Amino acid sequence: MSIVIIKYNAGNVYSVQCALARIGADAIITDNADIIRNADKVIFPGVGEAGAAMHHLRQTGLDKIITSLQKPTLGICIGQQLMCSHSEEGNTECLGIFPDKVIRFQQPDNTFKIPHTGWNTVQITAEKGIIPQEMTDAWVYYVHSYYVPVGSHTTAVTNYISPFSAAMKRNNFYATQFHPEKSGDAGSRILKHFLDL
């Protein structure tokens, strides 16, 4: 199986590559269009700012490559957000794979910290998502100030200030707001489940 991690200016690519190596999977880090298109599995990670990331994707043509992919593709953190239609971060038009909008956490009464950083649980809300059904209530690791509200493509939910999309799916595209590569054994199981799709 060929596994590709998309290289771009917002990717925490080496953390993801190391997490895959821990489960015995070799992954190539690349921005080469042909290698990405021909991969069996594609991972689109991200840590950074939506506007700058989308600008880079458009400049390099990676935006069109990502949206045209037919094989299982996993967006992580800002990767999930960039797969949506629009982000409040920088008022950014995104890839539009999911028709959802990304919004910023609003602080209701100073009892919650933003960004949402640390461990929280996920509740599975749909079958055939990226998280196996038996993993509901698993603890996963987050670092984010923006989120996707719960919608028709949500497959798992986490509650922080309000419920949001912890994981999403549309056709061959999967996404997580949390970082499976930083989520210990639970994250390893989720990555393995993605590779087994």
C-alpha atoms as a PDB file:
ATOM      1  CA  MET A   1       0.000   0.000   0.000  1.00  0.00           C
ATOM      2  CA  SER A   2       1.299   3.478  -0.877  1.00  0.00           C
ATOM      3  CA  ILE A   3       0.589   6.165   1.742  1.00  0.00           C
ATOM      4  CA  VAL A   4       1.195   9.845   1.053  1.00  0.00           C
ATOM      5  CA  ILE A   5       1.304  12.769   3.467  1.00  0.00           C
ATOM      6  CA  ILE A   6       0.731  16.020   1.598  1.00  0.00           C
ATOM      7  CA  LYS A   7       3.604  18.461   2.048  1.00  0.00           C
ATOM      8  CA  TYR A   8       2.548  22.097   2.257  1.00  0.00           C
ATOM      9  CA  ASN A   9       3.211  25.136   4.420  1.00  0.00           C
ATOM     10  CA  ALA A  10       0.807  24.213   7.254  1.00  0.00           C
ATOM     11  CA  GLY A  11       1.495  20.549   7.723  1.00  0.00           C
ATOM     12  CA  ASN A  12       2.846  18.891  10.860  1.00  0.00           C
ATOM     13  CA  VAL A  13       3.968  16.207   8.460  1.00  0.00           C
ATOM     14  CA  TYR A  14       6.777  14.584  10.421  1.00  0.00           C
ATOM     15  CA  SER A  15       4.629  13.945  13.501  1.00  0.00           C
ATOM     16  CA  VAL A  16       2.134  12.141  11.285  1.00  0.00           C
ATOM     17  CA  GLN A  17       4.891  10.167   9.552  1.00  0.00           C
ATOM     18  CA  CYS A  18       6.274   9.070  12.941  1.00  0.00           C
ATOM     19  CA  ALA A  19       2.808   8.058  14.163  1.00  0.00           C
ATOM     20  CA  LEU A  20       2.338   5.900  11.058  1.00  0.00           C
ATOM     21  CA  ALA A  21       5.767   4.345  11.547  1.00  0.00           C
ATOM     22  CA  ARG A  22       4.721   3.333  15.079  1.00  0.00           C
ATOM     23  CA  ILE A  23       1.942   1.182  13.577  1.00  0.00           C
ATOM     24  CA  GLY A  24       4.289  -0.274  10.962  1.00  0.00           C
ATOM     25  CA  ALA A  25       3.268   1.905   8.015  1.00  0.00           C
ATOM     26  CA  ASP A  26       5.689   3.717   5.703  1.00  0.00           C
ATOM     27  CA  ALA A  27       4.492   7.038   4.322  1.00  0.00           C
ATOM     28  CA  ILE A  28       5.980   9.385   1.725  1.00  0.00           C
ATOM     29  CA  ILE A  29       5.916  13.139   2.379  1.00  0.00           C
ATOM     30  CA  THR A  30       5.456  14.913  -0.936  1.00  0.00           C
ATOM     31  CA  ASP A  31       3.803  17.704  -2.900  1.00  0.00           C
ATOM     32  CA  ASN A  32       4.264  15.841  -6.199  1.00  0.00           C
ATOM     33  CA  ALA A  33       0.910  15.735  -7.999  1.00  0.00           C
ATOM     34  CA  ASP A  34       1.413  12.355  -9.683  1.00  0.00           C
ATOM     35  CA  ILE A  35       2.560  10.620  -6.496  1.00  0.00           C
ATOM     36  CA  ILE A  36      -0.396  12.063  -4.558  1.00  0.00           C
ATOM     37  CA  ARG A  37      -2.920  11.043  -7.221  1.00  0.00           C
ATOM     38  CA  ASN A  38      -1.552   7.499  -7.443  1.00  0.00           C
ATOM     39  CA  ALA A  39      -1.426   6.856  -3.700  1.00  0.00           C
ATOM     40  CA  ASP A  40      -3.698   4.288  -2.060  1.00  0.00           C
ATOM     41  CA  LYS A  41      -4.196   6.508   0.994  1.00  0.00           C
ATOM     42  CA  VAL A  42      -3.655  10.267   1.362  1.00  0.00           C
ATOM     43  CA  ILE A  43      -3.272  12.243   4.592  1.00  0.00           C
ATOM     44  CA  PHE A  44      -3.735  16.031   4.644  1.00  0.00           C
ATOM     45  CA  PRO A  45      -2.519  17.259   8.052  1.00  0.00           C
ATOM     46  CA  GLY A  46      -2.273  20.788   9.271  1.00  0.00           C
ATOM     47  CA  VAL A  47      -1.202  23.248  11.928  1.00  0.00           C
ATOM     48  CA  GLY A  48      -1.359  26.898  11.009  1.00  0.00           C
ATOM     49  CA  GLU A  49      -3.560  29.686   9.672  1.00  0.00           C
ATOM     50  CA  ALA A  50      -6.315  29.007   7.153  1.00  0.00           C
ATOM     51  CA  GLY A  51      -5.739  31.990   4.856  1.00  0.00           C
ATOM     52  CA  ALA A  52      -2.012  31.394   4.403  1.00  0.00           C
ATOM     53  CA  ALA A  53      -2.553  27.660   3.955  1.00  0.00           C
ATOM     54  CA  MET A  54      -5.210  28.119   1.249  1.00  0.00           C
ATOM     55  CA  HIS A  55      -3.054  30.698  -0.532  1.00  0.00           C
ATOM     56  CA  HIS A  56      -0.215  28.180  -0.702  1.00  0.00           C
ATOM     57  CA  LEU A  57      -2.523  25.373  -1.874  1.00  0.00           C
ATOM     58  CA  ARG A  58      -3.870  27.544  -4.701  1.00  0.00           C
ATOM     59  CA  GLN A  59      -0.413  28.786  -5.724  1.00  0.00           C
ATOM     60  CA  THR A  60       0.897  25.234  -6.001  1.00  0.00           C
ATOM     61  CA  GLY A  61      -2.243  23.699  -7.537  1.00  0.00           C
ATOM     62  CA  LEU A  62      -2.598  21.345  -4.594  1.00  0.00           C
ATOM     63  CA  ASP A  63      -6.160  22.607  -4.066  1.00  0.00           C
ATOM     64  CA  LYS A  64      -7.317  21.024  -7.334  1.00  0.00           C
ATOM     65  CA  ILE A  65      -5.348  17.855  -6.681  1.00  0.00           C
ATOM     66  CA  ILE A  66      -6.884  17.351  -3.238  1.00  0.00           C
ATOM     67  CA  THR A  67     -10.464  17.925  -4.382  1.00  0.00           C
ATOM     68  CA  SER A  68     -10.017  15.493  -7.289  1.00  0.00           C
ATOM     69  CA  LEU A  69      -8.765  12.583  -5.187  1.00  0.00           C
ATOM     70  CA  GLN A  70     -10.689   9.300  -5.473  1.00  0.00           C
ATOM     71  CA  LYS A  71      -8.858   7.268  -2.821  1.00  0.00           C
ATOM     72  CA  PRO A  72      -9.458   7.491   0.952  1.00  0.00           C
ATOM     73  CA  THR A  73      -8.177  10.886   2.101  1.00  0.00           C
ATOM     74  CA  LEU A  74      -7.857  12.013   5.726  1.00  0.00           C
ATOM     75  CA  GLY A  75      -7.739  15.667   6.784  1.00  0.00           C
ATOM     76  CA  ILE A  76      -6.342  16.400  10.252  1.00  0.00           C
ATOM     77  CA  CYS A  77      -7.014  19.562  12.333  1.00  0.00           C
ATOM     78  CA  ILE A  78      -6.666  22.495   9.934  1.00  0.00           C
ATOM     79  CA  GLY A  79      -6.809  19.844   7.201  1.00  0.00           C
ATOM     80  CA  GLN A  80     -10.425  19.196   8.246  1.00  0.00           C
ATOM     81  CA  GLN A  81     -11.157  22.917   8.330  1.00  0.00           C
ATOM     82  CA  LEU A  82      -9.637  23.513   4.892  1.00  0.00           C
ATOM     83  CA  MET A  83     -11.846  20.744   3.493  1.00  0.00           C
ATOM     84  CA  CYS A  84     -14.884  22.884   4.393  1.00  0.00           C
ATOM     85  CA  SER A  85     -16.397  25.671   2.282  1.00  0.00           C
ATOM     86  CA  HIS A  86     -15.353  28.709   4.312  1.00  0.00           C
ATOM     87  CA  SER A  87     -13.426  29.611   7.467  1.00  0.00           C
ATOM     88  CA  GLU A  88     -13.912  32.641   9.675  1.00  0.00           C
ATOM     89  CA  GLU A  89     -10.149  32.580  10.164  1.00  0.00           C
ATOM     90  CA  GLY A  90      -9.016  35.254   7.732  1.00  0.00           C
ATOM     91  CA  ASN A  91     -12.441  35.149   6.026  1.00  0.00           C
ATOM     92  CA  THR A  92     -11.058  32.328   3.876  1.00  0.00           C
ATOM     93  CA  GLU A  93     -12.717  30.440   1.030  1.00  0.00           C
ATOM     94  CA  CYS A  94     -11.629  26.826   1.414  1.00  0.00           C
ATOM     95  CA  LEU A  95     -11.731  23.614  -0.647  1.00  0.00           C
ATOM     96  CA  GLY A  96     -15.483  22.971  -0.415  1.00  0.00           C
ATOM     97  CA  ILE A  97     -15.301  19.199  -0.025  1.00  0.00           C
ATOM     98  CA  PHE A  98     -17.666  19.570   2.930  1.00  0.00           C
ATOM     99  CA  PRO A  99     -20.339  22.280   2.500  1.00  0.00           C
ATOM    100  CA  ASP A 100     -19.824  23.389   6.111  1.00  0.00           C
ATOM    101  CA  LYS A 101     -18.435  26.626   7.538  1.00  0.00           C
ATOM    102  CA  VAL A 102     -15.670  26.877  10.128  1.00  0.00           C
ATOM    103  CA  ILE A 103     -16.302  29.268  13.011  1.00  0.00           C
ATOM    104  CA  ARG A 104     -14.352  30.554  15.991  1.00  0.00           C
ATOM    105  CA  PHE A 105     -15.022  29.510  19.560  1.00  0.00           C
ATOM    106  CA  GLN A 106     -16.804  32.268  21.467  1.00  0.00           C
ATOM    107  CA  GLN A 107     -15.912  32.679  25.123  1.00  0.00           C
ATOM    108  CA  PRO A 108     -19.197  32.734  27.071  1.00  0.00           C
ATOM    109  CA  ASP A 109     -18.001  33.620  30.569  1.00  0.00           C
ATOM    110  CA  ASN A 110     -14.223  33.208  30.849  1.00  0.00           C
ATOM    111  CA  THR A 111     -14.549  29.657  32.175  1.00  0.00           C
ATOM    112  CA  PHE A 112     -13.152  28.088  28.987  1.00  0.00           C
ATOM    113  CA  LYS A 113      -9.706  28.580  27.514  1.00  0.00           C
ATOM    114  CA  ILE A 114      -9.260  29.354  23.826  1.00  0.00           C
ATOM    115  CA  PRO A 115      -7.585  27.683  22.047  1.00  0.00           C
ATOM    116  CA  HIS A 116      -9.117  24.406  23.142  1.00  0.00           C
ATOM    117  CA  THR A 117      -5.952  22.515  24.063  1.00  0.00           C
ATOM    118  CA  GLY A 118      -5.705  19.076  25.600  1.00  0.00           C
ATOM    119  CA  TRP A 119      -7.616  15.848  25.929  1.00  0.00           C
ATOM    120  CA  ASN A 120     -11.332  15.359  25.406  1.00  0.00           C
ATOM    121  CA  THR A 121     -13.678  12.511  24.518  1.00  0.00           C
ATOM    122  CA  VAL A 122     -15.461  11.715  21.259  1.00  0.00           C
ATOM    123  CA  GLN A 123     -18.971  10.361  20.835  1.00  0.00           C
ATOM    124  CA  ILE A 124     -19.619   8.406  17.639  1.00  0.00           C
ATOM    125  CA  THR A 125     -22.737   9.671  15.845  1.00  0.00           C
ATOM    126  CA  ALA A 126     -22.595   7.826  12.516  1.00  0.00           C
ATOM    127  CA  GLU A 127     -21.417   4.480  11.190  1.00  0.00           C
ATOM    128  CA  LYS A 128     -18.586   4.040   8.710  1.00  0.00           C
ATOM    129  CA  GLY A 129     -16.668   7.091   9.867  1.00  0.00           C
ATOM    130  CA  ILE A 130     -12.965   7.310  10.621  1.00  0.00           C
ATOM    131  CA  ILE A 131     -13.391   6.263  14.266  1.00  0.00           C
ATOM    132  CA  PRO A 132     -14.440   2.649  14.919  1.00  0.00           C
ATOM    133  CA  GLN A 133     -17.834   2.360  16.630  1.00  0.00           C
ATOM    134  CA  GLU A 134     -16.402   0.686  19.721  1.00  0.00           C
ATOM    135  CA  MET A 135     -14.198   3.738  20.385  1.00  0.00           C
ATOM    136  CA  THR A 136     -16.981   6.059  21.498  1.00  0.00           C
ATOM    137  CA  ASP A 137     -15.836   7.953  24.616  1.00  0.00           C
ATOM    138  CA  ALA A 138     -12.175   7.520  23.606  1.00  0.00           C
ATOM    139  CA  TRP A 139      -9.840  10.342  24.675  1.00  0.00           C
ATOM    140  CA  VAL A 140      -8.137  12.307  21.891  1.00  0.00           C
ATOM    141  CA  TYR A 141      -5.899  15.374  21.762  1.00  0.00           C
ATOM    142  CA  TYR A 142      -6.946  18.818  20.492  1.00  0.00           C
ATOM    143  CA  VAL A 143      -5.292  22.155  19.728  1.00  0.00           C
ATOM    144  CA  HIS A 144      -7.677  24.565  17.961  1.00  0.00           C
ATOM    145  CA  SER A 145      -9.506  27.878  18.176  1.00  0.00           C
ATOM    146  CA  TYR A 146     -11.864  27.219  15.246  1.00  0.00           C
ATOM    147  CA  TYR A 147     -14.298  24.369  14.712  1.00  0.00           C
ATOM    148  CA  VAL A 148     -16.937  22.920  12.402  1.00  0.00           C
ATOM    149  CA  PRO A 149     -20.461  22.875  13.891  1.00  0.00           C
ATOM    150  CA  VAL A 150     -22.295  19.560  13.984  1.00  0.00           C
ATOM    151  CA  GLY A 151     -23.891  18.878  10.591  1.00  0.00           C
ATOM    152  CA  SER A 152     -24.967  16.210   8.142  1.00  0.00           C
ATOM    153  CA  HIS A 153     -21.373  15.039   7.505  1.00  0.00           C
ATOM    154  CA  THR A 154     -20.430  14.802  11.195  1.00  0.00           C
ATOM    155  CA  THR A 155     -19.522  11.281  12.300  1.00  0.00           C
ATOM    156  CA  ALA A 156     -18.270  12.043  15.828  1.00  0.00           C
ATOM    157  CA  VAL A 157     -18.858  14.885  18.271  1.00  0.00           C
ATOM    158  CA  THR A 158     -16.866  16.485  21.089  1.00  0.00           C
ATOM    159  CA  ASN A 159     -18.348  19.013  23.484  1.00  0.00           C
ATOM    160  CA  TYR A 160     -16.224  22.036  24.394  1.00  0.00           C
ATOM    161  CA  ILE A 161     -18.176  25.255  24.967  1.00  0.00           C
ATOM    162  CA  SER A 162     -20.645  23.703  22.498  1.00  0.00           C
ATOM    163  CA  PRO A 163     -20.823  20.430  20.552  1.00  0.00           C
ATOM    164  CA  PHE A 164     -18.657  20.400  17.400  1.00  0.00           C
ATOM    165  CA  SER A 165     -17.544  18.015  14.676  1.00  0.00           C
ATOM    166  CA  ALA A 166     -14.752  15.861  16.049  1.00  0.00           C
ATOM    167  CA  ALA A 167     -14.790  13.799  12.838  1.00  0.00           C
ATOM    168  CA  MET A 168     -16.444  14.060   9.430  1.00  0.00           C
ATOM    169  CA  LYS A 169     -16.980  11.995   6.289  1.00  0.00           C
ATOM    170  CA  ARG A 170     -18.163  12.631   2.769  1.00  0.00           C
ATOM    171  CA  ASN A 171     -17.614   9.989   0.079  1.00  0.00           C
ATOM    172  CA  ASN A 172     -13.897   9.084   0.179  1.00  0.00           C
ATOM    173  CA  PHE A 173     -12.987  12.080   2.335  1.00  0.00           C
ATOM    174  CA  TYR A 174     -12.538  11.685   6.094  1.00  0.00           C
ATOM    175  CA  ALA A 175     -11.452  14.291   8.620  1.00  0.00           C
ATOM    176  CA  THR A 176     -10.701  14.800  12.306  1.00  0.00           C
ATOM    177  CA  GLN A 177     -10.450  18.040  14.248  1.00  0.00           C
ATOM    178  CA  PHE A 178      -8.261  16.291  16.820  1.00  0.00           C
ATOM    179  CA  HIS A 179      -4.726  15.067  16.213  1.00  0.00           C
ATOM    180  CA  PRO A 180      -4.647  11.258  15.971  1.00  0.00           C
ATOM    181  CA  GLU A 181      -0.850  11.425  15.724  1.00  0.00           C
ATOM    182  CA  LYS A 182      -0.794  12.984  19.226  1.00  0.00           C
ATOM    183  CA  SER A 183      -3.595  10.876  20.721  1.00  0.00           C
ATOM    184  CA  GLY A 184      -1.628   7.872  21.987  1.00  0.00           C
ATOM    185  CA  ASP A 185      -3.116   4.399  21.586  1.00  0.00           C
ATOM    186  CA  ALA A 186      -6.512   5.764  20.542  1.00  0.00           C
ATOM    187  CA  GLY A 187      -4.897   7.774  17.766  1.00  0.00           C
ATOM    188  CA  SER A 188      -2.921   4.752  16.586  1.00  0.00           C
ATOM    189  CA  ARG A 189      -6.120   2.714  16.374  1.00  0.00           C
ATOM    190  CA  ILE A 190      -7.809   5.457  14.349  1.00  0.00           C
ATOM    191  CA  LEU A 191      -4.885   5.724  11.923  1.00  0.00           C
ATOM    192  CA  LYS A 192      -4.827   1.936  11.521  1.00  0.00           C
ATOM    193  CA  HIS A 193      -8.576   1.958  10.886  1.00  0.00           C
ATOM    194  CA  PHE A 194      -8.033   4.551   8.137  1.00  0.00           C
ATOM    195  CA  LEU A 195      -5.317   2.430   6.519  1.00  0.00           C
ATOM    196  CA  ASP A 196      -7.630  -0.608   6.634  1.00  0.00           C
ATOM    197  CA  LEU A 197     -10.491   1.151   4.822  1.00  0.00           C
END
